[in-house]
Amino acid sequence: MDWKVCLATFGTIILAELGDKTQLAAIMMTCKTARPLSVFVGAVAALTIVTLLGVVFGEGLMRIVPEHLLKNVAAGVFIVIGVLMLIGRM
């Protein structure tokens, strides 16, 4: 296992997930049900499956599309989303 990649992935995802709708949904479910352990187990299972799907999809995509093209497309999509968000706030 490449621990540098593992830690970089951990850091990136934990920063991206803090305060997002997934965390808010877990907070709301805990408040609604008063069952924090059940909410935790359900959230971990869901995030594990979603992450597995992302990794499997990403691995398959890398076999078909060159890495440099994927990076450029991803960068372009992020720029478009950022511009749309900026316009929506004006």
PDB file of N, CA and C in Angstrom:
ATOM      1  N   MET A   1       0.838  -1.173   0.000  1.00  0.00           N
ATOM      2  CA  MET A   1       0.000   0.000   0.000  1.00  0.00           C
ATOM      3  C   MET A   1       0.886   1.240   0.000  1.00  0.00           C
ATOM      4  N   ASP A   2       0.494   2.210  -0.784  1.00  0.00           N
ATOM      5  CA  ASP A   2       1.205   3.480  -0.855  1.00  0.00           C
ATOM      6  C   ASP A   2       0.586   4.418   0.181  1.00  0.00           C
ATOM      7  N   TRP A   3       1.253   4.565   1.324  1.00  0.00           N
ATOM      8  CA  TRP A   3       0.702   5.358   2.424  1.00  0.00           C
ATOM      9  C   TRP A   3       0.616   6.840   2.089  1.00  0.00           C
ATOM     10  N   LYS A   4       1.490   7.322   1.231  1.00  0.00           N
ATOM     11  CA  LYS A   4       1.438   8.730   0.828  1.00  0.00           C
ATOM     12  C   LYS A   4       0.136   9.015   0.072  1.00  0.00           C
ATOM     13  N   VAL A   5      -0.217   8.135  -0.854  1.00  0.00           N
ATOM     14  CA  VAL A   5      -1.470   8.269  -1.601  1.00  0.00           C
ATOM     15  C   VAL A   5      -2.659   8.109  -0.656  1.00  0.00           C
ATOM     16  N   CYS A   6      -2.559   7.140   0.252  1.00  0.00           N
ATOM     17  CA  CYS A   6      -3.637   6.890   1.211  1.00  0.00           C
ATOM     18  C   CYS A   6      -3.898   8.126   2.076  1.00  0.00           C
ATOM     19  N   LEU A   7      -2.844   8.715   2.627  1.00  0.00           N
ATOM     20  CA  LEU A   7      -3.011   9.895   3.478  1.00  0.00           C
ATOM     21  C   LEU A   7      -3.479  11.114   2.685  1.00  0.00           C
ATOM     22  N   ALA A   8      -2.997  11.263   1.456  1.00  0.00           N
ATOM     23  CA  ALA A   8      -3.450  12.376   0.620  1.00  0.00           C
ATOM     24  C   ALA A   8      -4.935  12.235   0.300  1.00  0.00           C
ATOM     25  N   THR A   9      -5.366  11.023   0.008  1.00  0.00           N
ATOM     26  CA  THR A   9      -6.779  10.769  -0.255  1.00  0.00           C
ATOM     27  C   THR A   9      -7.612  11.047   0.987  1.00  0.00           C
ATOM     28  N   PHE A  10      -7.146  10.561   2.144  1.00  0.00           N
ATOM     29  CA  PHE A  10      -7.849  10.797   3.401  1.00  0.00           C
ATOM     30  C   PHE A  10      -8.016  12.294   3.643  1.00  0.00           C
ATOM     31  N   GLY A  11      -6.926  13.041   3.524  1.00  0.00           N
ATOM     32  CA  GLY A  11      -6.981  14.480   3.767  1.00  0.00           C
ATOM     33  C   GLY A  11      -7.908  15.213   2.810  1.00  0.00           C
ATOM     34  N   THR A  12      -7.835  14.850   1.547  1.00  0.00           N
ATOM     35  CA  THR A  12      -8.680  15.493   0.539  1.00  0.00           C
ATOM     36  C   THR A  12     -10.153  15.227   0.801  1.00  0.00           C
ATOM     37  N   ILE A  13     -10.486  13.980   1.072  1.00  0.00           N
ATOM     38  CA  ILE A  13     -11.892  13.619   1.251  1.00  0.00           C
ATOM     39  C   ILE A  13     -12.446  14.158   2.567  1.00  0.00           C
ATOM     40  N   ILE A  14     -11.658  14.104   3.627  1.00  0.00           N
ATOM     41  CA  ILE A  14     -12.186  14.594   4.897  1.00  0.00           C
ATOM     42  C   ILE A  14     -12.431  16.101   4.829  1.00  0.00           C
ATOM     43  N   LEU A  15     -11.567  16.835   4.154  1.00  0.00           N
ATOM     44  CA  LEU A  15     -11.798  18.275   4.003  1.00  0.00           C
ATOM     45  C   LEU A  15     -13.006  18.559   3.112  1.00  0.00           C
ATOM     46  N   ALA A  16     -13.180  17.751   2.073  1.00  0.00           N
ATOM     47  CA  ALA A  16     -14.315  17.948   1.168  1.00  0.00           C
ATOM     48  C   ALA A  16     -15.642  17.593   1.836  1.00  0.00           C
ATOM     49  N   GLU A  17     -15.621  16.631   2.752  1.00  0.00           N
ATOM     50  CA  GLU A  17     -16.858  16.150   3.369  1.00  0.00           C
ATOM     51  C   GLU A  17     -17.296  16.977   4.578  1.00  0.00           C
ATOM     52  N   LEU A  18     -16.371  17.690   5.217  1.00  0.00           N
ATOM     53  CA  LEU A  18     -16.742  18.465   6.402  1.00  0.00           C
ATOM     54  C   LEU A  18     -17.785  19.523   6.042  1.00  0.00           C
ATOM     55  N   GLY A  19     -18.916  19.468   6.721  1.00  0.00           N
ATOM     56  CA  GLY A  19     -19.953  20.477   6.518  1.00  0.00           C
ATOM     57  C   GLY A  19     -20.771  20.303   5.255  1.00  0.00           C
ATOM     58  N   ASP A  20     -20.628  19.198   4.548  1.00  0.00           N
ATOM     59  CA  ASP A  20     -21.423  19.028   3.332  1.00  0.00           C
ATOM     60  C   ASP A  20     -22.775  18.404   3.671  1.00  0.00           C
ATOM     61  N   LYS A  21     -23.578  18.168   2.658  1.00  0.00           N
ATOM     62  CA  LYS A  21     -24.940  17.673   2.883  1.00  0.00           C
ATOM     63  C   LYS A  21     -24.968  16.272   3.495  1.00  0.00           C
ATOM     64  N   THR A  22     -23.931  15.471   3.270  1.00  0.00           N
ATOM     65  CA  THR A  22     -23.878  14.141   3.886  1.00  0.00           C
ATOM     66  C   THR A  22     -23.752  14.264   5.400  1.00  0.00           C
ATOM     67  N   GLN A  23     -22.882  15.139   5.841  1.00  0.00           N
ATOM     68  CA  GLN A  23     -22.709  15.342   7.275  1.00  0.00           C
ATOM     69  C   GLN A  23     -23.973  15.941   7.885  1.00  0.00           C
ATOM     70  N   LEU A  24     -24.589  16.879   7.197  1.00  0.00           N
ATOM     71  CA  LEU A  24     -25.833  17.471   7.691  1.00  0.00           C
ATOM     72  C   LEU A  24     -26.949  16.433   7.767  1.00  0.00           C
ATOM     73  N   ALA A  25     -26.996  15.534   6.791  1.00  0.00           N
ATOM     74  CA  ALA A  25     -28.002  14.466   6.816  1.00  0.00           C
ATOM     75  C   ALA A  25     -27.772  13.545   8.008  1.00  0.00           C
ATOM     76  N   ALA A  26     -26.519  13.231   8.308  1.00  0.00           N
ATOM     77  CA  ALA A  26     -26.215  12.380   9.467  1.00  0.00           C
ATOM     78  C   ALA A  26     -26.603  13.085  10.763  1.00  0.00           C
ATOM     79  N   ILE A  27     -26.357  14.364  10.850  1.00  0.00           N
ATOM     80  CA  ILE A  27     -26.756  15.131  12.036  1.00  0.00           C
ATOM     81  C   ILE A  27     -28.270  15.105  12.197  1.00  0.00           C
ATOM     82  N   MET A  28     -28.975  15.347  11.100  1.00  0.00           N
ATOM     83  CA  MET A  28     -30.443  15.372  11.161  1.00  0.00           C
ATOM     84  C   MET A  28     -31.011  13.993  11.511  1.00  0.00           C
ATOM     85  N   MET A  29     -30.448  12.938  10.946  1.00  0.00           N
ATOM     86  CA  MET A  29     -30.927  11.587  11.258  1.00  0.00           C
ATOM     87  C   MET A  29     -30.678  11.247  12.731  1.00  0.00           C
ATOM     88  N   THR A  30     -29.547  11.671  13.243  1.00  0.00           N
ATOM     89  CA  THR A  30     -29.250  11.419  14.655  1.00  0.00           C
ATOM     90  C   THR A  30     -30.227  12.176  15.552  1.00  0.00           C
ATOM     91  N   CYS A  31     -30.494  13.430  15.217  1.00  0.00           N
ATOM     92  CA  CYS A  31     -31.456  14.211  16.002  1.00  0.00           C
ATOM     93  C   CYS A  31     -32.861  13.608  15.920  1.00  0.00           C
ATOM     94  N   LYS A  32     -33.237  13.166  14.738  1.00  0.00           N
ATOM     95  CA  LYS A  32     -34.588  12.632  14.518  1.00  0.00           C
ATOM     96  C   LYS A  32     -34.790  11.283  15.205  1.00  0.00           C
ATOM     97  N   THR A  33     -33.775  10.424  15.156  1.00  0.00           N
ATOM     98  CA  THR A  33     -33.943   9.059  15.653  1.00  0.00           C
ATOM     99  C   THR A  33     -33.380   8.829  17.057  1.00  0.00           C
ATOM    100  N   ALA A  34     -32.464   9.683  17.473  1.00  0.00           N
ATOM    101  CA  ALA A  34     -31.767   9.516  18.759  1.00  0.00           C
ATOM    102  C   ALA A  34     -31.044   8.164  18.816  1.00  0.00           C
ATOM    103  N   ARG A  35     -30.585   7.695  17.678  1.00  0.00           N
ATOM    104  CA  ARG A  35     -29.847   6.424  17.570  1.00  0.00           C
ATOM    105  C   ARG A  35     -28.516   6.677  16.862  1.00  0.00           C
ATOM    106  N   PRO A  36     -27.563   7.305  17.549  1.00  0.00           N
ATOM    107  CA  PRO A  36     -26.316   7.677  16.869  1.00  0.00           C
ATOM    108  C   PRO A  36     -25.515   6.491  16.321  1.00  0.00           C
ATOM    109  N   LEU A  37     -25.494   5.378  17.034  1.00  0.00           N
ATOM    110  CA  LEU A  37     -24.736   4.224  16.541  1.00  0.00           C
ATOM    111  C   LEU A  37     -25.340   3.692  15.248  1.00  0.00           C
ATOM    112  N   SER A  38     -26.652   3.600  15.173  1.00  0.00           N
ATOM    113  CA  SER A  38     -27.317   3.126  13.948  1.00  0.00           C
ATOM    114  C   SER A  38     -27.071   4.080  12.790  1.00  0.00           C
ATOM    115  N   VAL A  39     -27.130   5.377  13.066  1.00  0.00           N
ATOM    116  CA  VAL A  39     -26.864   6.369  12.013  1.00  0.00           C
ATOM    117  C   VAL A  39     -25.412   6.251  11.554  1.00  0.00           C
ATOM    118  N   PHE A  40     -24.492   6.080  12.501  1.00  0.00           N
ATOM    119  CA  PHE A  40     -23.078   5.944  12.159  1.00  0.00           C
ATOM    120  C   PHE A  40     -22.836   4.729  11.272  1.00  0.00           C
ATOM    121  N   VAL A  41     -23.382   3.595  11.661  1.00  0.00           N
ATOM    122  CA  VAL A  41     -23.194   2.361  10.890  1.00  0.00           C
ATOM    123  C   VAL A  41     -23.799   2.508   9.488  1.00  0.00           C
ATOM    124  N   GLY A  42     -24.995   3.078   9.408  1.00  0.00           N
ATOM    125  CA  GLY A  42     -25.625   3.282   8.104  1.00  0.00           C
ATOM    126  C   GLY A  42     -24.837   4.232   7.224  1.00  0.00           C
ATOM    127  N   ALA A  43     -24.335   5.319   7.818  1.00  0.00           N
ATOM    128  CA  ALA A  43     -23.555   6.299   7.052  1.00  0.00           C
ATOM    129  C   ALA A  43     -22.237   5.698   6.575  1.00  0.00           C
ATOM    130  N   VAL A  44     -21.562   4.944   7.453  1.00  0.00           N
ATOM    131  CA  VAL A  44     -20.297   4.315   7.064  1.00  0.00           C
ATOM    132  C   VAL A  44     -20.524   3.320   5.928  1.00  0.00           C
ATOM    133  N   ALA A  45     -21.584   2.530   6.035  1.00  0.00           N
ATOM    134  CA  ALA A  45     -21.882   1.551   4.976  1.00  0.00           C
ATOM    135  C   ALA A  45     -22.160   2.263   3.648  1.00  0.00           C
ATOM    136  N   ALA A  46     -22.970   3.314   3.697  1.00  0.00           N
ATOM    137  CA  ALA A  46     -23.305   4.048   2.471  1.00  0.00           C
ATOM    138  C   ALA A  46     -22.069   4.696   1.861  1.00  0.00           C
ATOM    139  N   LEU A  47     -21.255   5.358   2.681  1.00  0.00           N
ATOM    140  CA  LEU A  47     -20.054   6.016   2.159  1.00  0.00           C
ATOM    141  C   LEU A  47     -19.038   5.004   1.633  1.00  0.00           C
ATOM    142  N   THR A  48     -18.985   3.834   2.259  1.00  0.00           N
ATOM    143  CA  THR A  48     -18.081   2.786   1.781  1.00  0.00           C
ATOM    144  C   THR A  48     -18.495   2.312   0.395  1.00  0.00           C
ATOM    145  N   ILE A  49     -19.781   2.084   0.205  1.00  0.00           N
ATOM    146  CA  ILE A  49     -20.273   1.612  -1.096  1.00  0.00           C
ATOM    147  C   ILE A  49     -20.088   2.679  -2.165  1.00  0.00           C
ATOM    148  N   VAL A  50     -20.397   3.925  -1.829  1.00  0.00           N
ATOM    149  CA  VAL A  50     -20.235   5.017  -2.803  1.00  0.00           C
ATOM    150  C   VAL A  50     -18.766   5.172  -3.187  1.00  0.00           C
ATOM    151  N   THR A  51     -17.881   5.076  -2.193  1.00  0.00           N
ATOM    152  CA  THR A  51     -16.445   5.171  -2.480  1.00  0.00           C
ATOM    153  C   THR A  51     -15.971   4.004  -3.327  1.00  0.00           C
ATOM    154  N   LEU A  52     -16.436   2.809  -3.022  1.00  0.00           N
ATOM    155  CA  LEU A  52     -16.086   1.632  -3.823  1.00  0.00           C
ATOM    156  C   LEU A  52     -16.514   1.820  -5.273  1.00  0.00           C
ATOM    157  N   LEU A  53     -17.728   2.312  -5.471  1.00  0.00           N
ATOM    158  CA  LEU A  53     -18.200   2.564  -6.841  1.00  0.00           C
ATOM    159  C   LEU A  53     -17.319   3.591  -7.550  1.00  0.00           C
ATOM    160  N   GLY A  54     -16.928   4.645  -6.821  1.00  0.00           N
ATOM    161  CA  GLY A  54     -16.056   5.659  -7.414  1.00  0.00           C
ATOM    162  C   GLY A  54     -14.698   5.110  -7.802  1.00  0.00           C
ATOM    163  N   VAL A  55     -14.129   4.283  -6.941  1.00  0.00           N
ATOM    164  CA  VAL A  55     -12.818   3.700  -7.231  1.00  0.00           C
ATOM    165  C   VAL A  55     -12.907   2.739  -8.419  1.00  0.00           C
ATOM    166  N   VAL A  56     -13.915   1.886  -8.436  1.00  0.00           N
ATOM    167  CA  VAL A  56     -14.078   0.934  -9.536  1.00  0.00           C
ATOM    168  C   VAL A  56     -14.321   1.680 -10.849  1.00  0.00           C
ATOM    169  N   PHE A  57     -15.186   2.681 -10.814  1.00  0.00           N
ATOM    170  CA  PHE A  57     -15.463   3.477 -12.013  1.00  0.00           C
ATOM    171  C   PHE A  57     -14.198   4.200 -12.476  1.00  0.00           C
ATOM    172  N   GLY A  58     -13.465   4.793 -11.518  1.00  0.00           N
ATOM    173  CA  GLY A  58     -12.230   5.507 -11.861  1.00  0.00           C
ATOM    174  C   GLY A  58     -11.184   4.600 -12.473  1.00  0.00           C
ATOM    175  N   GLU A  59     -11.054   3.399 -11.923  1.00  0.00           N
ATOM    176  CA  GLU A  59     -10.082   2.454 -12.470  1.00  0.00           C
ATOM    177  C   GLU A  59     -10.461   2.051 -13.894  1.00  0.00           C
ATOM    178  N   GLY A  60     -11.739   1.805 -14.121  1.00  0.00           N
ATOM    179  CA  GLY A  60     -12.194   1.451 -15.462  1.00  0.00           C
ATOM    180  C   GLY A  60     -12.016   2.590 -16.441  1.00  0.00           C
ATOM    181  N   LEU A  61     -12.301   3.802 -15.977  1.00  0.00           N
ATOM    182  CA  LEU A  61     -12.172   4.978 -16.837  1.00  0.00           C
ATOM    183  C   LEU A  61     -10.716   5.218 -17.230  1.00  0.00           C
ATOM    184  N   MET A  62      -9.799   4.971 -16.277  1.00  0.00           N
ATOM    185  CA  MET A  62      -8.374   5.166 -16.576  1.00  0.00           C
ATOM    186  C   MET A  62      -7.877   4.201 -17.649  1.00  0.00           C
ATOM    187  N   ARG A  63      -8.524   3.070 -17.783  1.00  0.00           N
ATOM    188  CA  ARG A  63      -8.126   2.103 -18.816  1.00  0.00           C
ATOM    189  C   ARG A  63      -8.571   2.540 -20.205  1.00  0.00           C
ATOM    190  N   ILE A  64      -9.589   3.396 -20.256  1.00  0.00           N
ATOM    191  CA  ILE A  64     -10.159   3.810 -21.534  1.00  0.00           C
ATOM    192  C   ILE A  64      -9.670   5.191 -21.958  1.00  0.00           C
ATOM    193  N   VAL A  65      -9.597   6.108 -21.007  1.00  0.00           N
ATOM    194  CA  VAL A  65      -9.273   7.507 -21.303  1.00  0.00           C
ATOM    195  C   VAL A  65      -7.893   7.834 -20.733  1.00  0.00           C
ATOM    196  N   PRO A  66      -7.035   8.483 -21.510  1.00  0.00           N
ATOM    197  CA  PRO A  66      -5.702   8.853 -21.008  1.00  0.00           C
ATOM    198  C   PRO A  66      -5.787   9.793 -19.798  1.00  0.00           C
ATOM    199  N   GLU A  67      -4.836   9.634 -18.883  1.00  0.00           N
ATOM    200  CA  GLU A  67      -4.845  10.403 -17.635  1.00  0.00           C
ATOM    201  C   GLU A  67      -4.846  11.911 -17.873  1.00  0.00           C
ATOM    202  N   HIS A  68      -4.036  12.381 -18.805  1.00  0.00           N
ATOM    203  CA  HIS A  68      -3.968  13.824 -19.033  1.00  0.00           C
ATOM    204  C   HIS A  68      -5.313  14.380 -19.500  1.00  0.00           C
ATOM    205  N   LEU A  69      -6.031  13.608 -20.289  1.00  0.00           N
ATOM    206  CA  LEU A  69      -7.345  14.048 -20.756  1.00  0.00           C
ATOM    207  C   LEU A  69      -8.342  14.097 -19.596  1.00  0.00           C
ATOM    208  N   LEU A  70      -8.296  13.094 -18.717  1.00  0.00           N
ATOM    209  CA  LEU A  70      -9.177  13.087 -17.550  1.00  0.00           C
ATOM    210  C   LEU A  70      -8.922  14.290 -16.654  1.00  0.00           C
ATOM    211  N   LYS A  71      -7.646  14.606 -16.438  1.00  0.00           N
ATOM    212  CA  LYS A  71      -7.297  15.764 -15.601  1.00  0.00           C
ATOM    213  C   LYS A  71      -7.823  17.053 -16.213  1.00  0.00           C
ATOM    214  N   ASN A  72      -7.664  17.206 -17.517  1.00  0.00           N
ATOM    215  CA  ASN A  72      -8.135  18.420 -18.189  1.00  0.00           C
ATOM    216  C   ASN A  72      -9.653  18.535 -18.151  1.00  0.00           C
ATOM    217  N   VAL A  73     -10.341  17.429 -18.377  1.00  0.00           N
ATOM    218  CA  VAL A  73     -11.806  17.447 -18.334  1.00  0.00           C
ATOM    219  C   VAL A  73     -12.283  17.750 -16.918  1.00  0.00           C
ATOM    220  N   ALA A  74     -11.670  17.122 -15.914  1.00  0.00           N
ATOM    221  CA  ALA A  74     -12.053  17.375 -14.525  1.00  0.00           C
ATOM    222  C   ALA A  74     -11.818  18.837 -14.161  1.00  0.00           C
ATOM    223  N   ALA A  75     -10.698  19.389 -14.563  1.00  0.00           N
ATOM    224  CA  ALA A  75     -10.411  20.799 -14.288  1.00  0.00           C
ATOM    225  C   ALA A  75     -11.455  21.692 -14.960  1.00  0.00           C
ATOM    226  N   GLY A  76     -11.789  21.380 -16.189  1.00  0.00           N
ATOM    227  CA  GLY A  76     -12.802  22.165 -16.903  1.00  0.00           C
ATOM    228  C   GLY A  76     -14.162  22.095 -16.233  1.00  0.00           C
ATOM    229  N   VAL A  77     -14.540  20.923 -15.780  1.00  0.00           N
ATOM    230  CA  VAL A  77     -15.832  20.759 -15.100  1.00  0.00           C
ATOM    231  C   VAL A  77     -15.850  21.565 -13.808  1.00  0.00           C
ATOM    232  N   PHE A  78     -14.764  21.524 -13.037  1.00  0.00           N
ATOM    233  CA  PHE A  78     -14.704  22.302 -11.799  1.00  0.00           C
ATOM    234  C   PHE A  78     -14.792  23.797 -12.078  1.00  0.00           C
ATOM    235  N   ILE A  79     -14.146  24.264 -13.140  1.00  0.00           N
ATOM    236  CA  ILE A  79     -14.215  25.683 -13.501  1.00  0.00           C
ATOM    237  C   ILE A  79     -15.642  26.058 -13.876  1.00  0.00           C
ATOM    238  N   VAL A  80     -16.292  25.238 -14.688  1.00  0.00           N
ATOM    239  CA  VAL A  80     -17.675  25.510 -15.088  1.00  0.00           C
ATOM    240  C   VAL A  80     -18.594  25.554 -13.870  1.00  0.00           C
ATOM    241  N   ILE A  81     -18.439  24.592 -12.968  1.00  0.00           N
ATOM    242  CA  ILE A  81     -19.266  24.572 -11.760  1.00  0.00           C
ATOM    243  C   ILE A  81     -19.011  25.822 -10.922  1.00  0.00           C
ATOM    244  N   GLY A  82     -17.745  26.201 -10.778  1.00  0.00           N
ATOM    245  CA  GLY A  82     -17.412  27.408 -10.021  1.00  0.00           C
ATOM    246  C   GLY A  82     -18.031  28.656 -10.625  1.00  0.00           C
ATOM    247  N   VAL A  83     -17.961  28.790 -11.935  1.00  0.00           N
ATOM    248  CA  VAL A  83     -18.556  29.952 -12.612  1.00  0.00           C
ATOM    249  C   VAL A  83     -20.072  29.950 -12.433  1.00  0.00           C
ATOM    250  N   LEU A  84     -20.694  28.783 -12.570  1.00  0.00           N
ATOM    251  CA  LEU A  84     -22.144  28.703 -12.396  1.00  0.00           C
ATOM    252  C   LEU A  84     -22.545  29.069 -10.977  1.00  0.00           C
ATOM    253  N   MET A  85     -21.773  28.634 -10.001  1.00  0.00           N
ATOM    254  CA  MET A  85     -22.060  28.988  -8.615  1.00  0.00           C
ATOM    255  C   MET A  85     -21.894  30.478  -8.393  1.00  0.00           C
ATOM    256  N   LEU A  86     -20.858  31.039  -8.981  1.00  0.00           N
ATOM    257  CA  LEU A  86     -20.609  32.473  -8.847  1.00  0.00           C
ATOM    258  C   LEU A  86     -21.741  33.279  -9.471  1.00  0.00           C
ATOM    259  N   ILE A  87     -22.168  32.895 -10.640  1.00  0.00           N
ATOM    260  CA  ILE A  87     -23.262  33.599 -11.322  1.00  0.00           C
ATOM    261  C   ILE A  87     -24.553  33.458 -10.532  1.00  0.00           C
ATOM    262  N   GLY A  88     -24.789  32.274  -9.982  1.00  0.00           N
ATOM    263  CA  GLY A  88     -26.007  32.044  -9.216  1.00  0.00           C
ATOM    264  C   GLY A  88     -26.086  32.874  -7.963  1.00  0.00           C
ATOM    265  N   ARG A  89     -24.953  33.299  -7.420  1.00  0.00           N
ATOM    266  CA  ARG A  89     -24.930  34.087  -6.193  1.00  0.00           C
ATOM    267  C   ARG A  89     -25.065  35.578  -6.473  1.00  0.00           C
ATOM    268  N   MET A  90     -24.880  35.995  -7.696  1.00  0.00           N
ATOM    269  CA  MET A  90     -24.936  37.439  -8.012  1.00  0.00           C
ATOM    270  C   MET A  90     -26.340  37.926  -8.140  1.00  0.00           C
TER     271      MET A  90
END
